[in-house]
Amino acid sequence: MSNSHPGVRRLIVANFDAWSDAVRALIHDASPRLPSDIEPAALARHVLATMEGAVMLARAYQSFEPFDQAVHQLRDYFERLLRDGSDWSRRAHSAVSEGAP
């Protein structure tokens, strides 16, 4: 966005801020299940950047495949964060490692 459209830029920034705030709130709600060093605001920006980049790639390639790949990788990232941060999953992993049913 060029500097010749400051009104449009403000609207875009407001939209990105609202989206980031909504994602940050969800991450904050999940924080007991995430690693303790996760910064919800930074992770929310990562989600925003991933999704916006995925949209740009899908448009450029005229294909949903890049978008689907990005969503798949983002989901995998969150699953790993949840697995690494959750006390429940650590206990479950320990039990499986020790041969418990």
PDB file of N, CA and C in Angstrom:
ATOM      1  N   MET A   1       0.866  -1.168   0.000  1.00  0.00           N
ATOM      2  CA  MET A   1       0.000   0.000   0.000  1.00  0.00           C
ATOM      3  C   MET A   1       0.907   1.223   0.000  1.00  0.00           C
ATOM      4  N   SER A   2       0.658   2.079  -0.929  1.00  0.00           N
ATOM      5  CA  SER A   2       1.485   3.275  -1.016  1.00  0.00           C
ATOM      6  C   SER A   2       1.062   4.291   0.044  1.00  0.00           C
ATOM      7  N   ASN A   3       1.927   5.259   0.277  1.00  0.00           N
ATOM      8  CA  ASN A   3       1.636   6.308   1.252  1.00  0.00           C
ATOM      9  C   ASN A   3       0.631   7.324   0.724  1.00  0.00           C
ATOM     10  N   SER A   4       0.223   7.183  -0.539  1.00  0.00           N
ATOM     11  CA  SER A   4      -0.723   8.136  -1.114  1.00  0.00           C
ATOM     12  C   SER A   4      -2.172   7.858  -0.695  1.00  0.00           C
ATOM     13  N   HIS A   5      -2.394   6.796   0.060  1.00  0.00           N
ATOM     14  CA  HIS A   5      -3.742   6.434   0.507  1.00  0.00           C
ATOM     15  C   HIS A   5      -3.773   6.194   2.016  1.00  0.00           C
ATOM     16  N   PRO A   6      -3.480   7.218   2.825  1.00  0.00           N
ATOM     17  CA  PRO A   6      -3.411   7.008   4.278  1.00  0.00           C
ATOM     18  C   PRO A   6      -4.741   6.557   4.879  1.00  0.00           C
ATOM     19  N   GLY A   7      -5.867   6.969   4.325  1.00  0.00           N
ATOM     20  CA  GLY A   7      -7.158   6.536   4.849  1.00  0.00           C
ATOM     21  C   GLY A   7      -7.363   5.042   4.663  1.00  0.00           C
ATOM     22  N   VAL A   8      -6.970   4.552   3.500  1.00  0.00           N
ATOM     23  CA  VAL A   8      -7.087   3.118   3.225  1.00  0.00           C
ATOM     24  C   VAL A   8      -6.130   2.344   4.125  1.00  0.00           C
ATOM     25  N   ARG A   9      -4.934   2.876   4.274  1.00  0.00           N
ATOM     26  CA  ARG A   9      -3.944   2.200   5.128  1.00  0.00           C
ATOM     27  C   ARG A   9      -4.479   2.070   6.555  1.00  0.00           C
ATOM     28  N   ARG A  10      -5.108   3.130   7.074  1.00  0.00           N
ATOM     29  CA  ARG A  10      -5.667   3.067   8.438  1.00  0.00           C
ATOM     30  C   ARG A  10      -6.732   1.979   8.539  1.00  0.00           C
ATOM     31  N   LEU A  11      -7.560   1.855   7.520  1.00  0.00           N
ATOM     32  CA  LEU A  11      -8.593   0.815   7.527  1.00  0.00           C
ATOM     33  C   LEU A  11      -7.982  -0.587   7.489  1.00  0.00           C
ATOM     34  N   ILE A  12      -6.947  -0.742   6.692  1.00  0.00           N
ATOM     35  CA  ILE A  12      -6.280  -2.046   6.612  1.00  0.00           C
ATOM     36  C   ILE A  12      -5.613  -2.380   7.938  1.00  0.00           C
ATOM     37  N   VAL A  13      -4.937  -1.414   8.524  1.00  0.00           N
ATOM     38  CA  VAL A  13      -4.291  -1.623   9.823  1.00  0.00           C
ATOM     39  C   VAL A  13      -5.345  -1.974  10.879  1.00  0.00           C
ATOM     40  N   ALA A  14      -6.468  -1.259  10.868  1.00  0.00           N
ATOM     41  CA  ALA A  14      -7.538  -1.545  11.836  1.00  0.00           C
ATOM     42  C   ALA A  14      -8.060  -2.959  11.638  1.00  0.00           C
ATOM     43  N   ASN A  15      -8.201  -3.387  10.396  1.00  0.00           N
ATOM     44  CA  ASN A  15      -8.655  -4.746  10.116  1.00  0.00           C
ATOM     45  C   ASN A  15      -7.651  -5.778  10.621  1.00  0.00           C
ATOM     46  N   PHE A  16      -6.366  -5.564  10.326  1.00  0.00           N
ATOM     47  CA  PHE A  16      -5.332  -6.494  10.792  1.00  0.00           C
ATOM     48  C   PHE A  16      -5.258  -6.511  12.316  1.00  0.00           C
ATOM     49  N   ASP A  17      -5.375  -5.352  12.934  1.00  0.00           N
ATOM     50  CA  ASP A  17      -5.356  -5.294  14.403  1.00  0.00           C
ATOM     51  C   ASP A  17      -6.527  -6.065  15.002  1.00  0.00           C
ATOM     52  N   ALA A  18      -7.712  -5.901  14.406  1.00  0.00           N
ATOM     53  CA  ALA A  18      -8.892  -6.614  14.917  1.00  0.00           C
ATOM     54  C   ALA A  18      -8.720  -8.117  14.766  1.00  0.00           C
ATOM     55  N   TRP A  19      -8.206  -8.539  13.617  1.00  0.00           N
ATOM     56  CA  TRP A  19      -7.996  -9.964  13.385  1.00  0.00           C
ATOM     57  C   TRP A  19      -6.936 -10.500  14.354  1.00  0.00           C
ATOM     58  N   SER A  20      -5.835  -9.788  14.500  1.00  0.00           N
ATOM     59  CA  SER A  20      -4.782 -10.208  15.435  1.00  0.00           C
ATOM     60  C   SER A  20      -5.305 -10.270  16.864  1.00  0.00           C
ATOM     61  N   ASP A  21      -6.103  -9.287  17.256  1.00  0.00           N
ATOM     62  CA  ASP A  21      -6.666  -9.284  18.610  1.00  0.00           C
ATOM     63  C   ASP A  21      -7.563 -10.489  18.844  1.00  0.00           C
ATOM     64  N   ALA A  22      -8.369 -10.847  17.844  1.00  0.00           N
ATOM     65  CA  ALA A  22      -9.257 -12.005  17.980  1.00  0.00           C
ATOM     66  C   ALA A  22      -8.453 -13.295  18.108  1.00  0.00           C
ATOM     67  N   VAL A  23      -7.424 -13.439  17.294  1.00  0.00           N
ATOM     68  CA  VAL A  23      -6.585 -14.639  17.357  1.00  0.00           C
ATOM     69  C   VAL A  23      -5.806 -14.655  18.674  1.00  0.00           C
ATOM     70  N   ARG A  24      -5.308 -13.485  19.094  1.00  0.00           N
ATOM     71  CA  ARG A  24      -4.577 -13.402  20.363  1.00  0.00           C
ATOM     72  C   ARG A  24      -5.459 -13.848  21.521  1.00  0.00           C
ATOM     73  N   ALA A  25      -6.723 -13.453  21.509  1.00  0.00           N
ATOM     74  CA  ALA A  25      -7.641 -13.850  22.576  1.00  0.00           C
ATOM     75  C   ALA A  25      -7.818 -15.363  22.604  1.00  0.00           C
ATOM     76  N   LEU A  26      -7.912 -15.985  21.442  1.00  0.00           N
ATOM     77  CA  LEU A  26      -8.025 -17.448  21.383  1.00  0.00           C
ATOM     78  C   LEU A  26      -6.757 -18.120  21.901  1.00  0.00           C
ATOM     79  N   ILE A  27      -5.617 -17.584  21.519  1.00  0.00           N
ATOM     80  CA  ILE A  27      -4.342 -18.135  21.990  1.00  0.00           C
ATOM     81  C   ILE A  27      -4.231 -17.945  23.502  1.00  0.00           C
ATOM     82  N   HIS A  28      -4.617 -16.784  23.978  1.00  0.00           N
ATOM     83  CA  HIS A  28      -4.597 -16.536  25.424  1.00  0.00           C
ATOM     84  C   HIS A  28      -5.478 -17.555  26.153  1.00  0.00           C
ATOM     85  N   ASP A  29      -6.672 -17.824  25.625  1.00  0.00           N
ATOM     86  CA  ASP A  29      -7.566 -18.803  26.239  1.00  0.00           C
ATOM     87  C   ASP A  29      -6.948 -20.197  26.269  1.00  0.00           C
ATOM     88  N   ALA A  30      -6.140 -20.501  25.262  1.00  0.00           N
ATOM     89  CA  ALA A  30      -5.493 -21.818  25.194  1.00  0.00           C
ATOM     90  C   ALA A  30      -4.158 -21.846  25.918  1.00  0.00           C
ATOM     91  N   SER A  31      -3.729 -20.742  26.508  1.00  0.00           N
ATOM     92  CA  SER A  31      -2.385 -20.641  27.077  1.00  0.00           C
ATOM     93  C   SER A  31      -2.056 -21.708  28.124  1.00  0.00           C
ATOM     94  N   PRO A  32      -3.020 -22.205  28.910  1.00  0.00           N
ATOM     95  CA  PRO A  32      -2.651 -23.282  29.834  1.00  0.00           C
ATOM     96  C   PRO A  32      -2.175 -24.559  29.120  1.00  0.00           C
ATOM     97  N   ARG A  33      -2.540 -24.704  27.863  1.00  0.00           N
ATOM     98  CA  ARG A  33      -2.165 -25.896  27.099  1.00  0.00           C
ATOM     99  C   ARG A  33      -0.945 -25.664  26.216  1.00  0.00           C
ATOM    100  N   LEU A  34      -0.430 -24.445  26.203  1.00  0.00           N
ATOM    101  CA  LEU A  34       0.705 -24.089  25.349  1.00  0.00           C
ATOM    102  C   LEU A  34       1.972 -23.950  26.187  1.00  0.00           C
ATOM    103  N   PRO A  35       3.140 -24.025  25.547  1.00  0.00           N
ATOM    104  CA  PRO A  35       4.377 -23.773  26.289  1.00  0.00           C
ATOM    105  C   PRO A  35       4.310 -22.405  26.976  1.00  0.00           C
ATOM    106  N   SER A  36       4.896 -22.312  28.139  1.00  0.00           N
ATOM    107  CA  SER A  36       4.775 -21.102  28.960  1.00  0.00           C
ATOM    108  C   SER A  36       5.444 -19.875  28.346  1.00  0.00           C
ATOM    109  N   ASP A  37       6.380 -20.074  27.426  1.00  0.00           N
ATOM    110  CA  ASP A  37       7.075 -18.920  26.852  1.00  0.00           C
ATOM    111  C   ASP A  37       6.410 -18.373  25.588  1.00  0.00           C
ATOM    112  N   ILE A  38       5.245 -18.868  25.238  1.00  0.00           N
ATOM    113  CA  ILE A  38       4.523 -18.367  24.063  1.00  0.00           C
ATOM    114  C   ILE A  38       4.018 -16.954  24.348  1.00  0.00           C
ATOM    115  N   GLU A  39       4.236 -16.053  23.408  1.00  0.00           N
ATOM    116  CA  GLU A  39       3.713 -14.695  23.494  1.00  0.00           C
ATOM    117  C   GLU A  39       2.482 -14.619  22.595  1.00  0.00           C
ATOM    118  N   PRO A  40       1.277 -14.571  23.174  1.00  0.00           N
ATOM    119  CA  PRO A  40       0.053 -14.603  22.364  1.00  0.00           C
ATOM    120  C   PRO A  40       0.001 -13.552  21.260  1.00  0.00           C
ATOM    121  N   ALA A  41       0.436 -12.337  21.521  1.00  0.00           N
ATOM    122  CA  ALA A  41       0.375 -11.291  20.492  1.00  0.00           C
ATOM    123  C   ALA A  41       1.305 -11.623  19.318  1.00  0.00           C
ATOM    124  N   ALA A  42       2.493 -12.097  19.611  1.00  0.00           N
ATOM    125  CA  ALA A  42       3.442 -12.439  18.551  1.00  0.00           C
ATOM    126  C   ALA A  42       2.962 -13.646  17.754  1.00  0.00           C
ATOM    127  N   LEU A  43       2.415 -14.639  18.438  1.00  0.00           N
ATOM    128  CA  LEU A  43       1.901 -15.813  17.739  1.00  0.00           C
ATOM    129  C   LEU A  43       0.691 -15.444  16.887  1.00  0.00           C
ATOM    130  N   ALA A  44      -0.131 -14.532  17.359  1.00  0.00           N
ATOM    131  CA  ALA A  44      -1.281 -14.069  16.576  1.00  0.00           C
ATOM    132  C   ALA A  44      -0.805 -13.378  15.296  1.00  0.00           C
ATOM    133  N   ARG A  45       0.243 -12.581  15.382  1.00  0.00           N
ATOM    134  CA  ARG A  45       0.793 -11.938  14.180  1.00  0.00           C
ATOM    135  C   ARG A  45       1.347 -12.978  13.220  1.00  0.00           C
ATOM    136  N   HIS A  46       1.933 -14.031  13.754  1.00  0.00           N
ATOM    137  CA  HIS A  46       2.440 -15.124  12.919  1.00  0.00           C
ATOM    138  C   HIS A  46       1.284 -15.776  12.155  1.00  0.00           C
ATOM    139  N   VAL A  47       0.175 -16.015  12.844  1.00  0.00           N
ATOM    140  CA  VAL A  47      -1.004 -16.587  12.199  1.00  0.00           C
ATOM    141  C   VAL A  47      -1.489 -15.656  11.089  1.00  0.00           C
ATOM    142  N   LEU A  48      -1.582 -14.377  11.393  1.00  0.00           N
ATOM    143  CA  LEU A  48      -2.027 -13.389  10.407  1.00  0.00           C
ATOM    144  C   LEU A  48      -1.110 -13.380   9.187  1.00  0.00           C
ATOM    145  N   ALA A  49       0.186 -13.350   9.415  1.00  0.00           N
ATOM    146  CA  ALA A  49       1.143 -13.321   8.309  1.00  0.00           C
ATOM    147  C   ALA A  49       1.047 -14.596   7.472  1.00  0.00           C
ATOM    148  N   THR A  50       0.889 -15.720   8.122  1.00  0.00           N
ATOM    149  CA  THR A  50       0.758 -16.988   7.404  1.00  0.00           C
ATOM    150  C   THR A  50      -0.497 -16.999   6.538  1.00  0.00           C
ATOM    151  N   MET A  51      -1.615 -16.599   7.113  1.00  0.00           N
ATOM    152  CA  MET A  51      -2.871 -16.629   6.373  1.00  0.00           C
ATOM    153  C   MET A  51      -2.877 -15.626   5.222  1.00  0.00           C
ATOM    154  N   GLU A  52      -2.383 -14.430   5.462  1.00  0.00           N
ATOM    155  CA  GLU A  52      -2.345 -13.428   4.396  1.00  0.00           C
ATOM    156  C   GLU A  52      -1.374 -13.855   3.291  1.00  0.00           C
ATOM    157  N   GLY A  53      -0.243 -14.401   3.678  1.00  0.00           N
ATOM    158  CA  GLY A  53       0.702 -14.907   2.680  1.00  0.00           C
ATOM    159  C   GLY A  53       0.100 -16.045   1.878  1.00  0.00           C
ATOM    160  N   ALA A  54      -0.660 -16.895   2.541  1.00  0.00           N
ATOM    161  CA  ALA A  54      -1.308 -18.012   1.854  1.00  0.00           C
ATOM    162  C   ALA A  54      -2.327 -17.514   0.836  1.00  0.00           C
ATOM    163  N   VAL A  55      -3.056 -16.468   1.189  1.00  0.00           N
ATOM    164  CA  VAL A  55      -4.022 -15.878   0.252  1.00  0.00           C
ATOM    165  C   VAL A  55      -3.284 -15.322  -0.969  1.00  0.00           C
ATOM    166  N   MET A  56      -2.196 -14.609  -0.723  1.00  0.00           N
ATOM    167  CA  MET A  56      -1.431 -14.043  -1.844  1.00  0.00           C
ATOM    168  C   MET A  56      -0.896 -15.145  -2.757  1.00  0.00           C
ATOM    169  N   LEU A  57      -0.370 -16.208  -2.183  1.00  0.00           N
ATOM    170  CA  LEU A  57       0.139 -17.314  -2.988  1.00  0.00           C
ATOM    171  C   LEU A  57      -0.968 -17.980  -3.793  1.00  0.00           C
ATOM    172  N   ALA A  58      -2.103 -18.209  -3.161  1.00  0.00           N
ATOM    173  CA  ALA A  58      -3.222 -18.837  -3.864  1.00  0.00           C
ATOM    174  C   ALA A  58      -3.677 -17.977  -5.044  1.00  0.00           C
ATOM    175  N   ARG A  59      -3.716 -16.680  -4.842  1.00  0.00           N
ATOM    176  CA  ARG A  59      -4.098 -15.779  -5.936  1.00  0.00           C
ATOM    177  C   ARG A  59      -3.054 -15.799  -7.051  1.00  0.00           C
ATOM    178  N   ALA A  60      -1.790 -15.739  -6.669  1.00  0.00           N
ATOM    179  CA  ALA A  60      -0.726 -15.705  -7.672  1.00  0.00           C
ATOM    180  C   ALA A  60      -0.695 -16.999  -8.496  1.00  0.00           C
ATOM    181  N   TYR A  61      -0.858 -18.120  -7.835  1.00  0.00           N
ATOM    182  CA  TYR A  61      -0.814 -19.413  -8.527  1.00  0.00           C
ATOM    183  C   TYR A  61      -2.176 -19.832  -9.083  1.00  0.00           C
ATOM    184  N   GLN A  62      -3.202 -19.054  -8.760  1.00  0.00           N
ATOM    185  CA  GLN A  62      -4.570 -19.376  -9.157  1.00  0.00           C
ATOM    186  C   GLN A  62      -4.910 -20.819  -8.790  1.00  0.00           C
ATOM    187  N   SER A  63      -4.600 -21.128  -7.537  1.00  0.00           N
ATOM    188  CA  SER A  63      -4.799 -22.479  -7.027  1.00  0.00           C
ATOM    189  C   SER A  63      -4.986 -22.407  -5.517  1.00  0.00           C
ATOM    190  N   PHE A  64      -5.839 -23.270  -4.986  1.00  0.00           N
ATOM    191  CA  PHE A  64      -6.019 -23.350  -3.536  1.00  0.00           C
ATOM    192  C   PHE A  64      -4.896 -24.141  -2.861  1.00  0.00           C
ATOM    193  N   GLU A  65      -4.096 -24.835  -3.645  1.00  0.00           N
ATOM    194  CA  GLU A  65      -3.058 -25.691  -3.061  1.00  0.00           C
ATOM    195  C   GLU A  65      -2.104 -24.947  -2.130  1.00  0.00           C
ATOM    196  N   PRO A  66      -1.550 -23.781  -2.511  1.00  0.00           N
ATOM    197  CA  PRO A  66      -0.659 -23.083  -1.572  1.00  0.00           C
ATOM    198  C   PRO A  66      -1.362 -22.687  -0.270  1.00  0.00           C
ATOM    199  N   PHE A  67      -2.621 -22.295  -0.380  1.00  0.00           N
ATOM    200  CA  PHE A  67      -3.382 -21.941   0.814  1.00  0.00           C
ATOM    201  C   PHE A  67      -3.568 -23.173   1.707  1.00  0.00           C
ATOM    202  N   ASP A  68      -3.979 -24.275   1.098  1.00  0.00           N
ATOM    203  CA  ASP A  68      -4.183 -25.506   1.857  1.00  0.00           C
ATOM    204  C   ASP A  68      -2.893 -25.974   2.527  1.00  0.00           C
ATOM    205  N   GLN A  69      -1.769 -25.843   1.812  1.00  0.00           N
ATOM    206  CA  GLN A  69      -0.482 -26.237   2.393  1.00  0.00           C
ATOM    207  C   GLN A  69      -0.145 -25.373   3.606  1.00  0.00           C
ATOM    208  N   ALA A  70      -0.372 -24.064   3.484  1.00  0.00           N
ATOM    209  CA  ALA A  70      -0.077 -23.156   4.591  1.00  0.00           C
ATOM    210  C   ALA A  70      -0.951 -23.471   5.801  1.00  0.00           C
ATOM    211  N   VAL A  71      -2.229 -23.715   5.570  1.00  0.00           N
ATOM    212  CA  VAL A  71      -3.136 -24.060   6.666  1.00  0.00           C
ATOM    213  C   VAL A  71      -2.709 -25.370   7.311  1.00  0.00           C
ATOM    214  N   HIS A  72      -2.326 -26.334   6.505  1.00  0.00           N
ATOM    215  CA  HIS A  72      -1.866 -27.617   7.041  1.00  0.00           C
ATOM    216  C   HIS A  72      -0.626 -27.426   7.931  1.00  0.00           C
ATOM    217  N   GLN A  73       0.318 -26.632   7.471  1.00  0.00           N
ATOM    218  CA  GLN A  73       1.532 -26.404   8.251  1.00  0.00           C
ATOM    219  C   GLN A  73       1.245 -25.615   9.523  1.00  0.00           C
ATOM    220  N   LEU A  74       0.338 -24.647   9.433  1.00  0.00           N
ATOM    221  CA  LEU A  74      -0.025 -23.877  10.623  1.00  0.00           C
ATOM    222  C   LEU A  74      -0.708 -24.783  11.647  1.00  0.00           C
ATOM    223  N   ARG A  75      -1.588 -25.646  11.180  1.00  0.00           N
ATOM    224  CA  ARG A  75      -2.249 -26.600  12.077  1.00  0.00           C
ATOM    225  C   ARG A  75      -1.221 -27.529  12.726  1.00  0.00           C
ATOM    226  N   ASP A  76      -0.265 -28.009  11.940  1.00  0.00           N
ATOM    227  CA  ASP A  76       0.790 -28.865  12.475  1.00  0.00           C
ATOM    228  C   ASP A  76       1.593 -28.123  13.542  1.00  0.00           C
ATOM    229  N   TYR A  77       1.891 -26.859  13.286  1.00  0.00           N
ATOM    230  CA  TYR A  77       2.643 -26.054  14.255  1.00  0.00           C
ATOM    231  C   TYR A  77       1.878 -25.951  15.578  1.00  0.00           C
ATOM    232  N   PHE A  78       0.585 -25.654  15.493  1.00  0.00           N
ATOM    233  CA  PHE A  78      -0.209 -25.550  16.717  1.00  0.00           C
ATOM    234  C   PHE A  78      -0.321 -26.893  17.433  1.00  0.00           C
ATOM    235  N   GLU A  79      -0.464 -27.969  16.686  1.00  0.00           N
ATOM    236  CA  GLU A  79      -0.516 -29.288  17.321  1.00  0.00           C
ATOM    237  C   GLU A  79       0.776 -29.588  18.066  1.00  0.00           C
ATOM    238  N   ARG A  80       1.896 -29.190  17.492  1.00  0.00           N
ATOM    239  CA  ARG A  80       3.181 -29.392  18.171  1.00  0.00           C
ATOM    240  C   ARG A  80       3.285 -28.513  19.416  1.00  0.00           C
ATOM    241  N   LEU A  81       2.818 -27.262  19.313  1.00  0.00           N
ATOM    242  CA  LEU A  81       2.826 -26.393  20.493  1.00  0.00           C
ATOM    243  C   LEU A  81       1.957 -26.993  21.595  1.00  0.00           C
ATOM    244  N   LEU A  82       0.797 -27.468  21.232  1.00  0.00           N
ATOM    245  CA  LEU A  82      -0.100 -28.069  22.224  1.00  0.00           C
ATOM    246  C   LEU A  82       0.527 -29.322  22.838  1.00  0.00           C
ATOM    247  N   ARG A  83       1.151 -30.135  21.999  1.00  0.00           N
ATOM    248  CA  ARG A  83       1.787 -31.356  22.502  1.00  0.00           C
ATOM    249  C   ARG A  83       2.945 -31.011  23.438  1.00  0.00           C
ATOM    250  N   ASP A  84       3.719 -29.989  23.090  1.00  0.00           N
ATOM    251  CA  ASP A  84       4.872 -29.611  23.908  1.00  0.00           C
ATOM    252  C   ASP A  84       4.472 -28.863  25.177  1.00  0.00           C
ATOM    253  N   GLY A  85       3.337 -28.177  25.144  1.00  0.00           N
ATOM    254  CA  GLY A  85       2.971 -27.332  26.264  1.00  0.00           C
ATOM    255  C   GLY A  85       1.984 -27.918  27.234  1.00  0.00           C
ATOM    256  N   SER A  86       1.261 -28.919  26.815  1.00  0.00           N
ATOM    257  CA  SER A  86       0.191 -29.442  27.645  1.00  0.00           C
ATOM    258  C   SER A  86       0.705 -30.432  28.676  1.00  0.00           C
ATOM    259  N   ASP A  87       0.359 -30.186  29.928  1.00  0.00           N
ATOM    260  CA  ASP A  87       0.687 -31.161  30.968  1.00  0.00           C
ATOM    261  C   ASP A  87       0.012 -32.492  30.669  1.00  0.00           C
ATOM    262  N   TRP A  88      -1.226 -32.425  30.155  1.00  0.00           N
ATOM    263  CA  TRP A  88      -1.961 -33.644  29.850  1.00  0.00           C
ATOM    264  C   TRP A  88      -1.218 -34.468  28.812  1.00  0.00           C
ATOM    265  N   SER A  89      -0.761 -33.815  27.745  1.00  0.00           N
ATOM    266  CA  SER A  89      -0.091 -34.578  26.699  1.00  0.00           C
ATOM    267  C   SER A  89       1.262 -35.089  27.166  1.00  0.00           C
ATOM    268  N   ARG A  90       1.927 -34.346  28.036  1.00  0.00           N
ATOM    269  CA  ARG A  90       3.199 -34.842  28.575  1.00  0.00           C
ATOM    270  C   ARG A  90       2.961 -36.093  29.411  1.00  0.00           C
ATOM    271  N   ARG A  91       1.900 -36.073  30.241  1.00  0.00           N
ATOM    272  CA  ARG A  91       1.588 -37.258  31.049  1.00  0.00           C
ATOM    273  C   ARG A  91       1.209 -38.424  30.151  1.00  0.00           C
ATOM    274  N   ALA A  92       0.408 -38.151  29.105  1.00  0.00           N
ATOM    275  CA  ALA A  92      -0.005 -39.212  28.196  1.00  0.00           C
ATOM    276  C   ALA A  92       1.201 -39.783  27.464  1.00  0.00           C
ATOM    277  N   HIS A  93       2.115 -38.919  27.027  1.00  0.00           N
ATOM    278  CA  HIS A  93       3.311 -39.369  26.326  1.00  0.00           C
ATOM    279  C   HIS A  93       4.187 -40.190  27.264  1.00  0.00           C
ATOM    280  N   SER A  94       4.336 -39.754  28.510  1.00  0.00           N
ATOM    281  CA  SER A  94       5.139 -40.491  29.484  1.00  0.00           C
ATOM    282  C   SER A  94       4.543 -41.869  29.744  1.00  0.00           C
ATOM    283  N   ALA A  95       3.225 -41.927  29.843  1.00  0.00           N
ATOM    284  CA  ALA A  95       2.569 -43.204  30.106  1.00  0.00           C
ATOM    285  C   ALA A  95       2.769 -44.170  28.944  1.00  0.00           C
ATOM    286  N   VAL A  96       2.679 -43.664  27.718  1.00  0.00           N
ATOM    287  CA  VAL A  96       2.892 -44.503  26.549  1.00  0.00           C
ATOM    288  C   VAL A  96       4.341 -44.959  26.489  1.00  0.00           C
ATOM    289  N   SER A  97       5.264 -44.051  26.808  1.00  0.00           N
ATOM    290  CA  SER A  97       6.679 -44.390  26.802  1.00  0.00           C
ATOM    291  C   SER A  97       7.011 -45.455  27.819  1.00  0.00           C
ATOM    292  N   GLU A  98       6.282 -45.439  28.930  1.00  0.00           N
ATOM    293  CA  GLU A  98       6.540 -46.405  29.994  1.00  0.00           C
ATOM    294  C   GLU A  98       5.753 -47.692  29.808  1.00  0.00           C
ATOM    295  N   GLY A  99       4.968 -47.776  28.724  1.00  0.00           N
ATOM    296  CA  GLY A  99       4.215 -48.990  28.444  1.00  0.00           C
ATOM    297  C   GLY A  99       2.881 -49.067  29.118  1.00  0.00           C
ATOM    298  N   ALA A 100       2.384 -47.975  29.708  1.00  0.00           N
ATOM    299  CA  ALA A 100       1.067 -47.995  30.347  1.00  0.00           C
ATOM    300  C   ALA A 100      -0.005 -48.003  29.268  1.00  0.00           C
ATOM    301  N   PRO A 101      -1.149 -48.583  29.540  1.00  0.00           N
ATOM    302  CA  PRO A 101      -2.231 -48.636  28.547  1.00  0.00           C
ATOM    303  C   PRO A 101      -2.814 -47.292  28.258  1.00  0.00           C
TER     304      PRO A 101
END
